[in-house]
Protein backbone atom coordinates (compact mmCIF):
# COMPACT_ATOMS: atom_id res chain seq x y z
CA MET A 1 4.51 2.62 5.40
CA HIS A 2 4.47 6.21 6.65
CA VAL A 3 2.93 9.39 5.28
CA PHE A 4 3.46 12.97 6.42
CA VAL A 5 1.95 16.28 5.38
CA LEU A 6 2.83 19.69 6.78
CA ARG A 7 -0.43 21.06 8.11
CA ARG A 8 0.33 24.58 9.34
CA THR A 9 3.33 26.89 9.51
CA ILE A 10 4.01 30.53 10.33
CA TYR A 11 6.93 30.70 7.88
CA ASP A 12 6.87 31.81 4.26
CA ILE A 13 5.99 28.66 2.30
CA ARG A 14 8.82 29.45 -0.13
CA ALA A 15 11.38 29.09 2.66
CA PHE A 16 13.04 25.94 3.90
CA ILE A 17 10.69 24.63 6.56
CA PHE A 18 11.65 21.09 7.39
CA GLY A 19 14.40 18.72 6.48
CA LEU A 20 13.73 15.02 6.11
CA LYS A 21 16.89 12.96 6.35
CA HIS A 22 16.32 9.41 5.25
CA THR A 23 18.62 6.42 4.96
CA LYS A 24 18.78 4.95 1.49
CA LYS A 25 17.85 1.30 1.50
CA LYS A 26 20.62 -0.04 -0.74
CA ALA A 27 23.56 2.33 -0.41
CA GLY A 28 23.23 2.93 3.33
CA THR A 29 23.70 6.67 2.75
CA THR A 30 21.53 9.61 3.78
CA GLU A 31 20.16 12.60 1.93
CA TRP A 32 18.20 15.74 2.79
CA LEU A 33 14.87 16.71 1.38
CA PRO A 34 13.27 20.13 2.02
CA ILE A 35 9.57 20.13 2.86
CA HIS A 36 7.20 23.07 2.48
CA GLU A 37 3.69 23.78 3.67
CA GLY A 38 1.17 21.45 2.10
CA ASP A 39 3.79 19.01 0.81
CA LEU A 40 3.14 15.29 1.14
CA LEU A 41 5.69 12.57 1.82
CA LEU A 42 5.13 8.83 1.51
CA LEU A 43 7.76 6.38 2.76
CA PRO A 44 6.54 3.09 1.21
CA HIS A 45 9.23 0.95 2.82
CA GLY A 46 9.17 2.58 6.27
CA GLN A 47 12.65 4.02 5.80
CA GLU A 48 14.58 5.25 8.81
CA HIS A 49 14.30 9.04 8.82
CA THR A 50 14.82 12.18 10.89
CA LEU A 51 12.77 15.39 10.88
CA LEU A 52 14.49 18.75 11.46
CA GLU A 53 12.89 22.18 11.74
CA THR A 54 15.90 23.87 10.12
CA PRO A 55 19.22 22.46 8.88
CA ASP A 56 21.10 23.63 11.99
CA THR A 57 18.62 22.52 14.67
CA PRO A 58 18.59 19.16 16.46
CA PRO A 59 16.09 16.44 15.50
CA LEU A 60 12.51 16.98 16.62
CA ARG A 61 12.07 15.35 20.00
CA ASN A 62 9.46 15.33 22.76
CA LEU A 63 6.75 15.21 20.15
CA GLU A 64 3.13 15.45 21.21
CA LEU A 65 0.68 13.28 19.33
CA ASP A 66 -3.08 13.64 19.11
CA GLN A 67 -3.66 10.14 17.78
CA TRP A 68 -6.67 8.28 16.36
CA GLY A 69 -5.85 4.81 15.11
CA GLU A 70 -3.16 5.09 12.43
CA CYS A 71 -3.51 8.89 12.06
CA ALA A 72 -2.14 11.62 14.31
CA LEU A 73 -1.39 15.32 14.53
CA MET A 74 2.26 15.83 15.47
CA ARG A 75 3.36 18.87 17.51
CA TRP A 76 6.58 19.60 19.39
CA SER A 77 5.72 22.63 21.54
CA ASP A 78 2.76 24.35 23.19
CA ALA A 79 2.81 26.98 20.44
CA PRO A 80 4.16 25.06 17.45
CA SER A 81 5.41 26.83 14.36
CA ALA A 82 4.05 23.93 12.35
CA VAL A 83 1.88 20.85 12.74
CA LEU A 84 2.26 17.60 10.85
CA LEU A 85 -0.59 15.31 9.92
CA CYS A 86 0.99 11.87 9.92
CA GLY A 87 -0.08 8.28 9.74
CA THR A 88 0.65 4.73 8.66
CA PHE A 89 -0.91 2.28 6.24
CA ASP A 90 -1.17 -1.40 7.14
CA PHE A 91 -1.70 -4.14 4.57
CA GLU A 92 -2.98 -7.50 5.70
CA TYR A 93 -1.38 -9.47 2.89
CA VAL A 94 1.72 -7.57 1.86
CA HIS A 95 3.04 -10.45 -0.32
CA ALA A 96 0.27 -9.72 -2.81
CA ALA A 97 1.22 -6.07 -3.16
CA SER A 98 3.76 -6.42 -5.97
CA LEU A 99 3.50 -2.70 -6.50
CA PHE A 100 5.69 -1.95 -3.47
CA HIS A 101 8.74 -3.49 -5.11
CA TYR A 102 8.67 -0.65 -7.64
CA LEU A 103 7.93 2.30 -5.38
CA PRO A 104 10.93 4.49 -4.42
CA ASP A 105 12.11 4.98 -0.84
CA VAL A 106 10.41 8.38 -0.67
CA ILE A 107 7.58 9.83 -2.75
CA HIS A 108 7.55 13.63 -2.37
CA ILE A 109 4.51 15.44 -3.77
CA PRO A 110 4.76 19.26 -3.55
CA TYR A 111 1.57 21.11 -2.68
CA SER A 112 -0.78 22.12 -5.47
CA ALA A 113 -4.32 23.35 -4.91
CA GLU A 114 -5.38 21.74 -8.20
CA ARG A 115 -4.49 18.18 -7.17
CA PRO A 116 -7.40 16.01 -5.93
CA LEU A 117 -5.21 14.43 -3.24
CA ASN A 118 -4.65 17.84 -1.64
CA ARG A 119 -8.40 18.18 -1.21
CA VAL A 120 -8.42 14.79 0.53
CA LEU A 121 -5.58 15.95 2.77
CA GLU A 122 -7.51 19.07 3.71
CA LEU A 123 -10.49 16.93 4.67
CA MET A 124 -8.24 14.67 6.75
CA ALA A 125 -6.58 17.58 8.52
CA ASP A 126 -9.91 19.25 9.31
CA GLU A 127 -11.33 15.97 10.61
CA ALA A 128 -8.24 15.33 12.74
CA GLU A 129 -8.48 18.75 14.39
CA ALA A 130 -12.24 18.61 14.90
CA GLN A 131 -14.02 17.09 17.87
CA ARG A 132 -16.55 14.86 16.15
CA PRO A 133 -17.79 11.33 16.86
CA ALA A 134 -16.55 8.48 14.65
CA LYS A 135 -13.46 10.50 13.76
CA GLU A 136 -11.29 7.41 13.44
CA VAL A 137 -13.69 5.76 10.97
CA VAL A 138 -13.71 8.84 8.74
CA LEU A 139 -9.91 9.13 8.84
CA ARG A 140 -9.50 5.46 7.92
CA ARG A 141 -11.69 5.84 4.83
CA LEU A 142 -9.98 9.04 3.76
CA SER A 143 -6.60 7.35 4.25
CA ASP A 144 -7.59 4.60 1.82
CA ILE A 145 -8.53 7.19 -0.78
CA LEU A 146 -5.33 9.12 -0.13
CA PHE A 147 -3.13 6.08 -0.75
CA VAL A 148 -4.83 5.30 -4.06
CA GLN A 149 -4.43 8.91 -5.20
CA ILE A 150 -0.74 8.95 -4.22
CA VAL A 151 -0.14 5.87 -6.37
CA GLN A 152 -2.17 7.39 -9.22
CA HIS A 153 -0.05 10.54 -9.06
CA TRP A 154 3.18 8.55 -8.99
CA VAL A 155 2.14 6.51 -12.03
CA GLU A 156 1.18 9.68 -13.92
CA MET A 157 4.58 11.19 -13.17
CA GLN A 158 6.52 8.02 -14.02
CA GLY A 159 4.47 6.89 -16.97
CA ALA A 160 2.87 3.44 -16.96
CA GLN A 161 5.78 2.00 -18.96
CA ASP A 162 8.19 2.85 -16.13
CA SER A 163 5.95 1.71 -13.28
CA GLY A 164 7.02 -1.92 -13.19
CA TRP A 165 4.17 -4.22 -12.21
CA LEU A 166 1.52 -1.66 -13.16
CA ASP A 167 2.74 -1.76 -16.74
CA ALA A 168 1.40 -5.30 -17.00
CA PHE A 169 -2.19 -4.05 -16.80
CA HIS A 170 -1.61 -1.86 -19.85
CA ASP A 171 -0.16 -4.70 -21.88
CA PRO A 172 -2.82 -6.13 -24.26
CA LEU A 173 -1.72 -9.72 -23.67
CA ILE A 174 -0.78 -9.79 -19.98
CA GLY A 175 -3.54 -7.36 -19.00
CA LYS A 176 -6.09 -9.84 -20.32
CA ALA A 177 -4.40 -12.71 -18.44
CA LEU A 178 -4.52 -10.75 -15.19
CA ALA A 179 -8.20 -9.96 -15.78
CA LEU A 180 -8.94 -13.67 -16.22
CA MET A 181 -7.07 -14.61 -13.04
CA HIS A 182 -8.70 -11.86 -11.00
CA SER A 183 -12.25 -12.49 -12.21
CA GLN A 184 -12.09 -16.32 -12.24
CA PRO A 185 -9.73 -17.44 -9.43
CA HIS A 186 -11.78 -20.65 -9.05
CA HIS A 187 -10.96 -21.78 -12.58
CA ALA A 188 -8.38 -24.57 -12.94
CA TRP A 189 -5.92 -22.32 -14.70
CA GLN A 190 -2.59 -23.60 -15.99
CA VAL A 191 0.00 -21.81 -18.08
CA ALA A 192 -1.17 -23.73 -21.15
CA SER A 193 -4.88 -22.91 -20.65
CA LEU A 194 -4.13 -19.22 -20.07
CA ALA A 195 -1.98 -19.15 -23.22
CA ARG A 196 -4.83 -20.74 -25.22
CA ALA A 197 -7.27 -18.14 -23.89
CA LEU A 198 -4.89 -15.44 -25.12
CA ALA A 199 -4.28 -17.16 -28.47
CA CYS A 200 -0.51 -17.22 -28.04
CA SER A 201 2.18 -19.80 -27.41
CA ARG A 202 2.84 -21.11 -23.92
CA SER A 203 6.46 -19.98 -23.94
CA THR A 204 5.66 -16.47 -25.20
CA PHE A 205 2.99 -15.99 -22.56
CA ALA A 206 5.09 -17.34 -19.68
CA SER A 207 8.18 -15.28 -20.51
CA ARG A 208 6.25 -12.06 -21.12
CA PHE A 209 4.19 -12.48 -17.95
CA THR A 210 7.29 -13.06 -15.82
CA ALA A 211 9.10 -10.11 -17.37
CA LEU A 212 6.26 -7.66 -16.73
CA VAL A 213 4.80 -8.94 -13.46
CA GLY A 214 8.04 -10.05 -11.84
CA GLU A 215 7.05 -13.66 -11.12
CA PRO A 216 5.74 -16.67 -13.11
CA PRO A 217 1.99 -16.87 -13.86
CA MET A 218 1.16 -19.69 -11.45
CA GLU A 219 3.04 -18.08 -8.56
CA TYR A 220 1.12 -14.87 -9.11
CA LEU A 221 -2.17 -16.77 -9.30
CA THR A 222 -1.43 -18.59 -6.04
CA ARG A 223 -0.70 -15.30 -4.26
CA TRP A 224 -3.92 -13.80 -5.62
CA ARG A 225 -5.93 -16.83 -4.47
CA MET A 226 -4.44 -16.64 -0.98
CA GLN A 227 -5.28 -12.96 -0.77
CA ILE A 228 -8.92 -13.75 -1.55
CA ALA A 229 -8.90 -16.67 0.88
CA SER A 230 -7.45 -14.60 3.73
CA ARG A 231 -10.20 -12.03 3.26
CA LEU A 232 -12.93 -14.70 3.21
CA LEU A 233 -11.55 -16.31 6.37
CA ILE A 234 -11.97 -13.06 8.25
CA GLU A 235 -15.07 -11.56 6.66
CA ASP A 236 -17.27 -14.68 6.59
CA PRO A 237 -16.77 -16.93 9.67
CA SER A 238 -19.62 -19.17 8.50
CA LEU A 239 -17.61 -20.41 5.49
CA ARG A 240 -15.87 -23.73 6.00
CA ILE A 241 -12.27 -24.14 4.96
CA GLY A 242 -13.32 -26.53 2.21
CA ASP A 243 -15.79 -23.99 0.81
CA ILE A 244 -13.09 -21.32 0.70
CA ALA A 245 -10.69 -23.76 -0.97
CA ALA A 246 -13.24 -24.39 -3.73
CA ARG A 247 -13.85 -20.67 -4.24
CA VAL A 248 -10.18 -20.09 -4.95
CA GLY A 249 -9.64 -23.05 -7.26
CA TYR A 250 -8.61 -25.92 -4.99
CA ARG A 251 -10.40 -29.26 -5.20
CA SER A 252 -8.57 -30.52 -2.11
CA GLU A 253 -8.81 -28.80 1.27
CA ALA A 254 -5.45 -30.30 2.17
CA ALA A 255 -3.76 -28.83 -0.91
CA PHE A 256 -5.29 -25.43 -0.19
CA SER A 257 -4.21 -25.52 3.46
CA LYS A 258 -0.65 -26.45 2.45
CA ALA A 259 -0.45 -23.57 -0.05
CA PHE A 260 -1.99 -21.13 2.43
CA LYS A 261 0.47 -22.04 5.19
CA ARG A 262 3.42 -21.80 2.79
CA LEU A 263 2.56 -18.22 1.85
CA MET A 264 0.91 -16.92 5.01
CA GLY A 265 3.02 -18.75 7.57
CA VAL A 266 0.05 -20.27 9.42
CA ALA A 267 -2.74 -22.71 8.62
CA PRO A 268 -6.14 -21.27 7.57
CA ILE A 269 -7.81 -22.17 10.88
CA ALA A 270 -5.01 -20.54 12.86
CA TYR A 271 -5.23 -17.45 10.65
CA ARG A 272 -8.96 -17.18 11.29
CA SER A 273 -8.53 -17.74 15.02
CA ALA A 274 -5.84 -15.05 15.22
CA SER A 275 -8.25 -12.58 13.64
CA GLY A 276 -10.78 -13.22 16.39
CA GLN A 277 -13.27 -15.09 14.21
CA ALA A 278 -14.89 -18.41 15.01
CA ALA A 279 -13.10 -21.44 13.59
CA ASP A 280 -14.75 -24.25 11.66
């Protein structure tokens, strides 16, 4: 996932400053998008793209990066006409992020001084250009805030009813089911027990959940449990695999390990070892 914001330019901000050519995921076609000073671009799916200074100039090459972790200032000359603040977001367990299935190839947010996310961007840009200790730590935290605010803005523009998976949280029935799963992952939930807790029929609950969330209830619950487990494996090396299994609703360590490997691709111990933590 990539994000860009135009940091500084000597041109009139009303003029065409940059072109972003990106390849559409499904059609295999390309389209141009003008970018102005202060604009923000998010490419949720890491689309192939090209940056141009003007429509008739070649792609920007020989870029110079002042980089700190996943954030960088991008320049392409000693006296650049513009500077881009760019970066990437990494998600440890991308299978759990159902939201990304509904995000478009490119989210373009024009500059507005009134938007909270523009204030975050200004803080990020100032921090990136400053010479202060712990710069990378500050940029990481601001990046987290920035991503949340981008999604908030997108949902506000789309409307919750058109935001796919997010719409489920606004649904009185499915929103309550998600709250139960998230707050009590250790509970021995089944479709029938969730339906009883919601005072509705099993078939009504299952079909509505799948329609709004995009997958059946138990598949979603398994993904949520594995997300919690993967975090516990890394953050608390003292926890045994069996303890983690119990915390996420598995009575059998073997059953938990099988489910974890199916979704994550490796066994829990291997996952912990790969993260640099001590194994059981």
